[in-house]
Amino acid sequence: MALFDDILSGGNLVTGVALGVGAAIILPLAGPILRPLAKNVIKGGILAYQGAAGLIEDISDLAAGCRRNRTGDHPTSTARGNTQHRAGAAAPQ
């Protein structure tokens, strides 16, 4: 703990040099290990973001459907292309 106390309170020159040399040696060795790990973490974050965006879109669609059902305003066509006619609309001949 004294090492961290020295670092946080300004420390001394020897502690700073030791940390600098240690980082210069450790970071190049850890790079090949950390790079694939970082790439996987970033890919996972992107997939999680896309999944959340899809979930939010699905919830939004569900809420819009509930609002339509509550107000009686139904869409004019379904996903299959069949037409639904509103009251007062002319039927095709």
PDB file of N, CA and C in Angstrom:
ATOM      1  N   MET A   1       0.811  -1.195   0.000  1.00  0.00           N
ATOM      2  CA  MET A   1       0.000   0.000   0.000  1.00  0.00           C
ATOM      3  C   MET A   1       0.850   1.252   0.000  1.00  0.00           C
ATOM      4  N   ALA A   2       2.036   1.145   0.499  1.00  0.00           N
ATOM      5  CA  ALA A   2       2.900   2.323   0.544  1.00  0.00           C
ATOM      6  C   ALA A   2       3.257   2.785  -0.866  1.00  0.00           C
ATOM      7  N   LEU A   3       3.362   1.857  -1.797  1.00  0.00           N
ATOM      8  CA  LEU A   3       3.664   2.208  -3.182  1.00  0.00           C
ATOM      9  C   LEU A   3       2.555   3.080  -3.756  1.00  0.00           C
ATOM     10  N   PHE A   4       1.309   2.672  -3.557  1.00  0.00           N
ATOM     11  CA  PHE A   4       0.188   3.453  -4.075  1.00  0.00           C
ATOM     12  C   PHE A   4       0.049   4.785  -3.357  1.00  0.00           C
ATOM     13  N   ASP A   5       0.340   4.803  -2.060  1.00  0.00           N
ATOM     14  CA  ASP A   5       0.309   6.071  -1.328  1.00  0.00           C
ATOM     15  C   ASP A   5       1.353   7.036  -1.873  1.00  0.00           C
ATOM     16  N   ASP A   6       2.547   6.511  -2.198  1.00  0.00           N
ATOM     17  CA  ASP A   6       3.589   7.353  -2.773  1.00  0.00           C
ATOM     18  C   ASP A   6       3.169   7.892  -4.135  1.00  0.00           C
ATOM     19  N   ILE A   7       2.538   7.058  -4.934  1.00  0.00           N
ATOM     20  CA  ILE A   7       2.119   7.481  -6.273  1.00  0.00           C
ATOM     21  C   ILE A   7       1.058   8.567  -6.170  1.00  0.00           C
ATOM     22  N   LEU A   8       0.084   8.354  -5.291  1.00  0.00           N
ATOM     23  CA  LEU A   8      -1.017   9.303  -5.169  1.00  0.00           C
ATOM     24  C   LEU A   8      -0.596  10.611  -4.513  1.00  0.00           C
ATOM     25  N   SER A   9       0.371  10.564  -3.655  1.00  0.00           N
ATOM     26  CA  SER A   9       0.794  11.787  -2.969  1.00  0.00           C
ATOM     27  C   SER A   9       1.952  12.481  -3.686  1.00  0.00           C
ATOM     28  N   GLY A  10       2.228  12.113  -4.876  1.00  0.00           N
ATOM     29  CA  GLY A  10       3.315  12.747  -5.613  1.00  0.00           C
ATOM     30  C   GLY A  10       4.482  11.808  -5.779  1.00  0.00           C
ATOM     31  N   GLY A  11       4.682  10.900  -4.853  1.00  0.00           N
ATOM     32  CA  GLY A  11       5.711   9.880  -4.939  1.00  0.00           C
ATOM     33  C   GLY A  11       7.112  10.456  -5.069  1.00  0.00           C
ATOM     34  N   ASN A  12       8.017   9.615  -5.467  1.00  0.00           N
ATOM     35  CA  ASN A  12       9.381  10.060  -5.694  1.00  0.00           C
ATOM     36  C   ASN A  12       9.798   9.664  -7.101  1.00  0.00           C
ATOM     37  N   LEU A  13      10.924  10.090  -7.496  1.00  0.00           N
ATOM     38  CA  LEU A  13      11.406   9.880  -8.855  1.00  0.00           C
ATOM     39  C   LEU A  13      11.616   8.407  -9.168  1.00  0.00           C
ATOM     40  N   VAL A  14      12.098   7.634  -8.224  1.00  0.00           N
ATOM     41  CA  VAL A  14      12.376   6.217  -8.458  1.00  0.00           C
ATOM     42  C   VAL A  14      11.085   5.456  -8.749  1.00  0.00           C
ATOM     43  N   THR A  15      10.027   5.775  -8.021  1.00  0.00           N
ATOM     44  CA  THR A  15       8.744   5.113  -8.240  1.00  0.00           C
ATOM     45  C   THR A  15       8.214   5.422  -9.636  1.00  0.00           C
ATOM     46  N   GLY A  16       8.303   6.662 -10.069  1.00  0.00           N
ATOM     47  CA  GLY A  16       7.845   7.051 -11.394  1.00  0.00           C
ATOM     48  C   GLY A  16       8.624   6.375 -12.498  1.00  0.00           C
ATOM     49  N   VAL A  17       9.927   6.300 -12.348  1.00  0.00           N
ATOM     50  CA  VAL A  17      10.768   5.650 -13.352  1.00  0.00           C
ATOM     51  C   VAL A  17      10.471   4.153 -13.405  1.00  0.00           C
ATOM     52  N   ALA A  18      10.300   3.536 -12.243  1.00  0.00           N
ATOM     53  CA  ALA A  18      10.007   2.099 -12.201  1.00  0.00           C
ATOM     54  C   ALA A  18       8.677   1.808 -12.900  1.00  0.00           C
ATOM     55  N   LEU A  19       7.663   2.620 -12.662  1.00  0.00           N
ATOM     56  CA  LEU A  19       6.380   2.415 -13.326  1.00  0.00           C
ATOM     57  C   LEU A  19       6.494   2.649 -14.832  1.00  0.00           C
ATOM     58  N   GLY A  20       7.242   3.639 -15.243  1.00  0.00           N
ATOM     59  CA  GLY A  20       7.431   3.907 -16.664  1.00  0.00           C
ATOM     60  C   GLY A  20       8.138   2.774 -17.374  1.00  0.00           C
ATOM     61  N   VAL A  21       9.207   2.269 -16.774  1.00  0.00           N
ATOM     62  CA  VAL A  21       9.947   1.147 -17.369  1.00  0.00           C
ATOM     63  C   VAL A  21       9.074  -0.108 -17.386  1.00  0.00           C
ATOM     64  N   GLY A  22       8.347  -0.331 -16.311  1.00  0.00           N
ATOM     65  CA  GLY A  22       7.460  -1.497 -16.248  1.00  0.00           C
ATOM     66  C   GLY A  22       6.386  -1.431 -17.331  1.00  0.00           C
ATOM     67  N   ALA A  23       5.804  -0.262 -17.530  1.00  0.00           N
ATOM     68  CA  ALA A  23       4.784  -0.102 -18.568  1.00  0.00           C
ATOM     69  C   ALA A  23       5.395  -0.288 -19.948  1.00  0.00           C
ATOM     70  N   ALA A  24       6.609   0.216 -20.158  1.00  0.00           N
ATOM     71  CA  ALA A  24       7.269   0.075 -21.454  1.00  0.00           C
ATOM     72  C   ALA A  24       7.582  -1.380 -21.777  1.00  0.00           C
ATOM     73  N   ILE A  25       7.768  -2.185 -20.767  1.00  0.00           N
ATOM     74  CA  ILE A  25       8.063  -3.605 -20.993  1.00  0.00           C
ATOM     75  C   ILE A  25       6.774  -4.424 -21.105  1.00  0.00           C
ATOM     76  N   ILE A  26       5.808  -4.154 -20.239  1.00  0.00           N
ATOM     77  CA  ILE A  26       4.584  -4.959 -20.164  1.00  0.00           C
ATOM     78  C   ILE A  26       3.632  -4.685 -21.333  1.00  0.00           C
ATOM     79  N   LEU A  27       3.427  -3.432 -21.707  1.00  0.00           N
ATOM     80  CA  LEU A  27       2.436  -3.106 -22.734  1.00  0.00           C
ATOM     81  C   LEU A  27       2.720  -3.741 -24.097  1.00  0.00           C
ATOM     82  N   PRO A  28       3.945  -3.736 -24.614  1.00  0.00           N
ATOM     83  CA  PRO A  28       4.180  -4.421 -25.895  1.00  0.00           C
ATOM     84  C   PRO A  28       3.957  -5.934 -25.817  1.00  0.00           C
ATOM     85  N   LEU A  29       4.216  -6.514 -24.669  1.00  0.00           N
ATOM     86  CA  LEU A  29       3.993  -7.947 -24.507  1.00  0.00           C
ATOM     87  C   LEU A  29       2.503  -8.268 -24.375  1.00  0.00           C
ATOM     88  N   ALA A  30       1.748  -7.369 -23.770  1.00  0.00           N
ATOM     89  CA  ALA A  30       0.318  -7.598 -23.552  1.00  0.00           C
ATOM     90  C   ALA A  30      -0.514  -7.214 -24.771  1.00  0.00           C
ATOM     91  N   GLY A  31       0.056  -6.460 -25.713  1.00  0.00           N
ATOM     92  CA  GLY A  31      -0.680  -6.009 -26.891  1.00  0.00           C
ATOM     93  C   GLY A  31      -1.315  -7.123 -27.697  1.00  0.00           C
ATOM     94  N   PRO A  32      -0.567  -8.168 -28.059  1.00  0.00           N
ATOM     95  CA  PRO A  32      -1.173  -9.252 -28.836  1.00  0.00           C
ATOM     96  C   PRO A  32      -2.301  -9.981 -28.095  1.00  0.00           C
ATOM     97  N   ILE A  33      -2.286  -9.924 -26.788  1.00  0.00           N
ATOM     98  CA  ILE A  33      -3.353 -10.550 -25.998  1.00  0.00           C
ATOM     99  C   ILE A  33      -4.536  -9.602 -25.856  1.00  0.00           C
ATOM    100  N   LEU A  34      -4.247  -8.337 -25.617  1.00  0.00           N
ATOM    101  CA  LEU A  34      -5.313  -7.376 -25.354  1.00  0.00           C
ATOM    102  C   LEU A  34      -6.058  -6.943 -26.610  1.00  0.00           C
ATOM    103  N   ARG A  35      -5.404  -6.946 -27.772  1.00  0.00           N
ATOM    104  CA  ARG A  35      -6.066  -6.498 -28.998  1.00  0.00           C
ATOM    105  C   ARG A  35      -7.266  -7.370 -29.375  1.00  0.00           C
ATOM    106  N   PRO A  36      -7.143  -8.703 -29.442  1.00  0.00           N
ATOM    107  CA  PRO A  36      -8.329  -9.519 -29.745  1.00  0.00           C
ATOM    108  C   PRO A  36      -9.413  -9.391 -28.670  1.00  0.00           C
ATOM    109  N   LEU A  37      -8.988  -9.249 -27.434  1.00  0.00           N
ATOM    110  CA  LEU A  37      -9.955  -9.069 -26.353  1.00  0.00           C
ATOM    111  C   LEU A  37     -10.727  -7.767 -26.538  1.00  0.00           C
ATOM    112  N   ALA A  38     -10.017  -6.704 -26.859  1.00  0.00           N
ATOM    113  CA  ALA A  38     -10.669  -5.408 -27.080  1.00  0.00           C
ATOM    114  C   ALA A  38     -11.605  -5.473 -28.288  1.00  0.00           C
ATOM    115  N   LYS A  39     -11.199  -6.158 -29.357  1.00  0.00           N
ATOM    116  CA  LYS A  39     -12.049  -6.295 -30.536  1.00  0.00           C
ATOM    117  C   LYS A  39     -13.332  -7.045 -30.197  1.00  0.00           C
ATOM    118  N   ASN A  40     -13.218  -8.109 -29.409  1.00  0.00           N
ATOM    119  CA  ASN A  40     -14.401  -8.873 -29.020  1.00  0.00           C
ATOM    120  C   ASN A  40     -15.330  -8.054 -28.128  1.00  0.00           C
ATOM    121  N   VAL A  41     -14.761  -7.263 -27.256  1.00  0.00           N
ATOM    122  CA  VAL A  41     -15.586  -6.406 -26.394  1.00  0.00           C
ATOM    123  C   VAL A  41     -16.324  -5.377 -27.244  1.00  0.00           C
ATOM    124  N   ILE A  42     -15.649  -4.802 -28.220  1.00  0.00           N
ATOM    125  CA  ILE A  42     -16.290  -3.807 -29.093  1.00  0.00           C
ATOM    126  C   ILE A  42     -17.381  -4.458 -29.937  1.00  0.00           C
ATOM    127  N   LYS A  43     -17.099  -5.635 -30.493  1.00  0.00           N
ATOM    128  CA  LYS A  43     -18.116  -6.353 -31.274  1.00  0.00           C
ATOM    129  C   LYS A  43     -19.331  -6.685 -30.419  1.00  0.00           C
ATOM    130  N   GLY A  44     -19.079  -7.126 -29.198  1.00  0.00           N
ATOM    131  CA  GLY A  44     -20.182  -7.426 -28.285  1.00  0.00           C
ATOM    132  C   GLY A  44     -21.008  -6.186 -27.974  1.00  0.00           C
ATOM    133  N   GLY A  45     -20.340  -5.051 -27.815  1.00  0.00           N
ATOM    134  CA  GLY A  45     -21.060  -3.809 -27.572  1.00  0.00           C
ATOM    135  C   GLY A  45     -21.921  -3.410 -28.756  1.00  0.00           C
ATOM    136  N   ILE A  46     -21.395  -3.587 -29.959  1.00  0.00           N
ATOM    137  CA  ILE A  46     -22.166  -3.261 -31.163  1.00  0.00           C
ATOM    138  C   ILE A  46     -23.378  -4.175 -31.277  1.00  0.00           C
ATOM    139  N   LEU A  47     -23.190  -5.478 -31.043  1.00  0.00           N
ATOM    140  CA  LEU A  47     -24.310  -6.416 -31.111  1.00  0.00           C
ATOM    141  C   LEU A  47     -25.355  -6.111 -30.039  1.00  0.00           C
ATOM    142  N   ALA A  48     -24.910  -5.753 -28.846  1.00  0.00           N
ATOM    143  CA  ALA A  48     -25.851  -5.405 -27.784  1.00  0.00           C
ATOM    144  C   ALA A  48     -26.628  -4.148 -28.156  1.00  0.00           C
ATOM    145  N   TYR A  49     -25.949  -3.169 -28.756  1.00  0.00           N
ATOM    146  CA  TYR A  49     -26.616  -1.936 -29.175  1.00  0.00           C
ATOM    147  C   TYR A  49     -27.662  -2.230 -30.246  1.00  0.00           C
ATOM    148  N   GLN A  50     -27.307  -3.058 -31.229  1.00  0.00           N
ATOM    149  CA  GLN A  50     -28.254  -3.404 -32.290  1.00  0.00           C
ATOM    150  C   GLN A  50     -29.436  -4.192 -31.740  1.00  0.00           C
ATOM    151  N   GLY A  51     -29.170  -5.084 -30.804  1.00  0.00           N
ATOM    152  CA  GLY A  51     -30.257  -5.842 -30.186  1.00  0.00           C
ATOM    153  C   GLY A  51     -31.191  -4.939 -29.405  1.00  0.00           C
ATOM    154  N   ALA A  52     -30.627  -3.987 -28.671  1.00  0.00           N
ATOM    155  CA  ALA A  52     -31.455  -3.055 -27.917  1.00  0.00           C
ATOM    156  C   ALA A  52     -32.259  -2.166 -28.856  1.00  0.00           C
ATOM    157  N   ALA A  53     -31.660  -1.752 -29.963  1.00  0.00           N
ATOM    158  CA  ALA A  53     -32.382  -0.919 -30.932  1.00  0.00           C
ATOM    159  C   ALA A  53     -33.539  -1.702 -31.539  1.00  0.00           C
ATOM    160  N   GLY A  54     -33.325  -2.967 -31.846  1.00  0.00           N
ATOM    161  CA  GLY A  54     -34.399  -3.804 -32.374  1.00  0.00           C
ATOM    162  C   GLY A  54     -35.501  -4.009 -31.350  1.00  0.00           C
ATOM    163  N   LEU A  55     -35.116  -4.191 -30.093  1.00  0.00           N
ATOM    164  CA  LEU A  55     -36.101  -4.363 -29.034  1.00  0.00           C
ATOM    165  C   LEU A  55     -36.935  -3.099 -28.854  1.00  0.00           C
ATOM    166  N   ILE A  56     -36.287  -1.946 -28.890  1.00  0.00           N
ATOM    167  CA  ILE A  56     -37.003  -0.681 -28.758  1.00  0.00           C
ATOM    168  C   ILE A  56     -37.951  -0.486 -29.934  1.00  0.00           C
ATOM    169  N   GLU A  57     -37.512  -0.866 -31.140  1.00  0.00           N
ATOM    170  CA  GLU A  57     -38.380  -0.756 -32.318  1.00  0.00           C
ATOM    171  C   GLU A  57     -39.592  -1.667 -32.178  1.00  0.00           C
ATOM    172  N   ASP A  58     -39.375  -2.905 -31.691  1.00  0.00           N
ATOM    173  CA  ASP A  58     -40.483  -3.831 -31.497  1.00  0.00           C
ATOM    174  C   ASP A  58     -41.477  -3.302 -30.458  1.00  0.00           C
ATOM    175  N   ILE A  59     -40.963  -2.733 -29.379  1.00  0.00           N
ATOM    176  CA  ILE A  59     -41.835  -2.174 -28.347  1.00  0.00           C
ATOM    177  C   ILE A  59     -42.607  -0.981 -28.907  1.00  0.00           C
ATOM    178  N   SER A  60     -41.943  -0.176 -29.703  1.00  0.00           N
ATOM    179  CA  SER A  60     -42.607   0.973 -30.327  1.00  0.00           C
ATOM    180  C   SER A  60     -43.724   0.513 -31.255  1.00  0.00           C
ATOM    181  N   ASP A  61     -43.461  -0.524 -32.051  1.00  0.00           N
ATOM    182  CA  ASP A  61     -44.486  -1.072 -32.946  1.00  0.00           C
ATOM    183  C   ASP A  61     -45.658  -1.632 -32.152  1.00  0.00           C
ATOM    184  N   LEU A  62     -45.359  -2.307 -31.059  1.00  0.00           N
ATOM    185  CA  LEU A  62     -46.406  -2.866 -30.218  1.00  0.00           C
ATOM    186  C   LEU A  62     -47.263  -1.754 -29.612  1.00  0.00           C
ATOM    187  N   ALA A  63     -46.621  -0.705 -29.132  1.00  0.00           N
ATOM    188  CA  ALA A  63     -47.363   0.419 -28.562  1.00  0.00           C
ATOM    189  C   ALA A  63     -48.215   1.105 -29.621  1.00  0.00           C
ATOM    190  N   ALA A  64     -47.688   1.251 -30.841  1.00  0.00           N
ATOM    191  CA  ALA A  64     -48.465   1.871 -31.912  1.00  0.00           C
ATOM    192  C   ALA A  64     -49.674   1.003 -32.253  1.00  0.00           C
ATOM    193  N   GLY A  65     -49.498  -0.300 -32.268  1.00  0.00           N
ATOM    194  CA  GLY A  65     -50.610  -1.203 -32.524  1.00  0.00           C
ATOM    195  C   GLY A  65     -51.677  -1.105 -31.441  1.00  0.00           C
ATOM    196  N   CYS A  66     -51.241  -0.997 -30.209  1.00  0.00           N
ATOM    197  CA  CYS A  66     -52.197  -0.849 -29.108  1.00  0.00           C
ATOM    198  C   CYS A  66     -52.958   0.465 -29.232  1.00  0.00           C
ATOM    199  N   ARG A  67     -52.274   1.539 -29.611  1.00  0.00           N
ATOM    200  CA  ARG A  67     -52.958   2.827 -29.797  1.00  0.00           C
ATOM    201  C   ARG A  67     -53.970   2.743 -30.925  1.00  0.00           C
ATOM    202  N   ARG A  68     -53.606   2.072 -32.032  1.00  0.00           N
ATOM    203  CA  ARG A  68     -54.539   1.919 -33.151  1.00  0.00           C
ATOM    204  C   ARG A  68     -55.769   1.128 -32.720  1.00  0.00           C
ATOM    205  N   ASN A  69     -55.548   0.050 -31.972  1.00  0.00           N
ATOM    206  CA  ASN A  69     -56.670  -0.768 -31.521  1.00  0.00           C
ATOM    207  C   ASN A  69     -57.577   0.017 -30.578  1.00  0.00           C
ATOM    208  N   ARG A  70     -56.989   0.840 -29.752  1.00  0.00           N
ATOM    209  CA  ARG A  70     -57.774   1.613 -28.794  1.00  0.00           C
ATOM    210  C   ARG A  70     -58.596   2.682 -29.494  1.00  0.00           C
ATOM    211  N   THR A  71     -58.035   3.329 -30.511  1.00  0.00           N
ATOM    212  CA  THR A  71     -58.751   4.397 -31.204  1.00  0.00           C
ATOM    213  C   THR A  71     -59.576   3.890 -32.365  1.00  0.00           C
ATOM    214  N   GLY A  72     -59.413   2.635 -32.766  1.00  0.00           N
ATOM    215  CA  GLY A  72     -60.175   2.075 -33.870  1.00  0.00           C
ATOM    216  C   GLY A  72     -59.623   2.458 -35.230  1.00  0.00           C
ATOM    217  N   ASP A  73     -58.450   3.032 -35.286  1.00  0.00           N
ATOM    218  CA  ASP A  73     -57.836   3.434 -36.550  1.00  0.00           C
ATOM    219  C   ASP A  73     -56.958   2.289 -37.041  1.00  0.00           C
ATOM    220  N   HIS A  74     -57.517   1.448 -37.909  1.00  0.00           N
ATOM    221  CA  HIS A  74     -56.795   0.285 -38.394  1.00  0.00           C
ATOM    222  C   HIS A  74     -56.076   0.623 -39.694  1.00  0.00           C
ATOM    223  N   PRO A  75     -54.952  -0.043 -39.966  1.00  0.00           N
ATOM    224  CA  PRO A  75     -54.234   0.222 -41.217  1.00  0.00           C
ATOM    225  C   PRO A  75     -55.060  -0.228 -42.418  1.00  0.00           C
ATOM    226  N   THR A  76     -54.761   0.333 -43.560  1.00  0.00           N
ATOM    227  CA  THR A  76     -55.529   0.007 -44.765  1.00  0.00           C
ATOM    228  C   THR A  76     -55.052  -1.262 -45.434  1.00  0.00           C
ATOM    229  N   SER A  77     -53.889  -1.778 -45.092  1.00  0.00           N
ATOM    230  CA  SER A  77     -53.432  -3.032 -45.684  1.00  0.00           C
ATOM    231  C   SER A  77     -52.690  -3.837 -44.638  1.00  0.00           C
ATOM    232  N   THR A  78     -52.687  -5.146 -44.823  1.00  0.00           N
ATOM    233  CA  THR A  78     -51.981  -6.037 -43.910  1.00  0.00           C
ATOM    234  C   THR A  78     -50.635  -6.387 -44.507  1.00  0.00           C
ATOM    235  N   ALA A  79     -49.867  -7.163 -43.794  1.00  0.00           N
ATOM    236  CA  ALA A  79     -48.531  -7.544 -44.258  1.00  0.00           C
ATOM    237  C   ALA A  79     -48.610  -8.417 -45.510  1.00  0.00           C
ATOM    238  N   ARG A  80     -49.706  -9.167 -45.710  1.00  0.00           N
ATOM    239  CA  ARG A  80     -49.835 -10.039 -46.871  1.00  0.00           C
ATOM    240  C   ARG A  80     -50.302  -9.295 -48.113  1.00  0.00           C
ATOM    241  N   GLY A  81     -50.729  -8.051 -47.961  1.00  0.00           N
ATOM    242  CA  GLY A  81     -51.181  -7.295 -49.109  1.00  0.00           C
ATOM    243  C   GLY A  81     -52.688  -7.285 -49.247  1.00  0.00           C
ATOM    244  N   ASN A  82     -53.399  -7.995 -48.382  1.00  0.00           N
ATOM    245  CA  ASN A  82     -54.852  -7.956 -48.412  1.00  0.00           C
ATOM    246  C   ASN A  82     -55.302  -6.579 -47.934  1.00  0.00           C
ATOM    247  N   THR A  83     -56.309  -6.054 -48.568  1.00  0.00           N
ATOM    248  CA  THR A  83     -56.776  -4.730 -48.164  1.00  0.00           C
ATOM    249  C   THR A  83     -57.909  -4.847 -47.180  1.00  0.00           C
ATOM    250  N   GLN A  84     -57.897  -3.984 -46.200  1.00  0.00           N
ATOM    251  CA  GLN A  84     -58.990  -3.874 -45.252  1.00  0.00           C
ATOM    252  C   GLN A  84     -59.654  -2.547 -45.508  1.00  0.00           C
ATOM    253  N   HIS A  85     -60.956  -2.522 -45.529  1.00  0.00           N
ATOM    254  CA  HIS A  85     -61.663  -1.289 -45.855  1.00  0.00           C
ATOM    255  C   HIS A  85     -62.240  -0.680 -44.597  1.00  0.00           C
ATOM    256  N   ARG A  86     -62.071   0.609 -44.495  1.00  0.00           N
ATOM    257  CA  ARG A  86     -62.663   1.350 -43.385  1.00  0.00           C
ATOM    258  C   ARG A  86     -64.129   1.582 -43.669  1.00  0.00           C
ATOM    259  N   ALA A  87     -64.849   1.887 -42.648  1.00  0.00           N
ATOM    260  CA  ALA A  87     -66.279   2.166 -42.811  1.00  0.00           C
ATOM    261  C   ALA A  87     -66.434   3.371 -43.724  1.00  0.00           C
ATOM    262  N   GLY A  88     -67.299   3.262 -44.720  1.00  0.00           N
ATOM    263  CA  GLY A  88     -67.551   4.369 -45.634  1.00  0.00           C
ATOM    264  C   GLY A  88     -66.682   4.326 -46.876  1.00  0.00           C
ATOM    265  N   ALA A  89     -65.694   3.449 -46.925  1.00  0.00           N
ATOM    266  CA  ALA A  89     -64.838   3.360 -48.106  1.00  0.00           C
ATOM    267  C   ALA A  89     -65.504   2.476 -49.147  1.00  0.00           C
ATOM    268  N   ALA A  90     -65.315   2.792 -50.391  1.00  0.00           N
ATOM    269  CA  ALA A  90     -65.924   2.020 -51.465  1.00  0.00           C
ATOM    270  C   ALA A  90     -65.209   0.693 -51.623  1.00  0.00           C
ATOM    271  N   ALA A  91     -65.975  -0.361 -51.814  1.00  0.00           N
ATOM    272  CA  ALA A  91     -65.394  -1.697 -52.001  1.00  0.00           C
ATOM    273  C   ALA A  91     -64.958  -1.853 -53.451  1.00  0.00           C
ATOM    274  N   PRO A  92     -63.856  -2.579 -53.723  1.00  0.00           N
ATOM    275  CA  PRO A  92     -63.424  -2.766 -55.108  1.00  0.00           C
ATOM    276  C   PRO A  92     -64.429  -3.620 -55.870  1.00  0.00           C
ATOM    277  N   GLN A  93     -64.522  -3.388 -57.157  1.00  0.00           N
ATOM    278  CA  GLN A  93     -65.494  -4.142 -57.972  1.00  0.00           C
ATOM    279  C   GLN A  93     -64.811  -5.070 -58.923  1.00  0.00           C
TER     280      GLN A  93
END
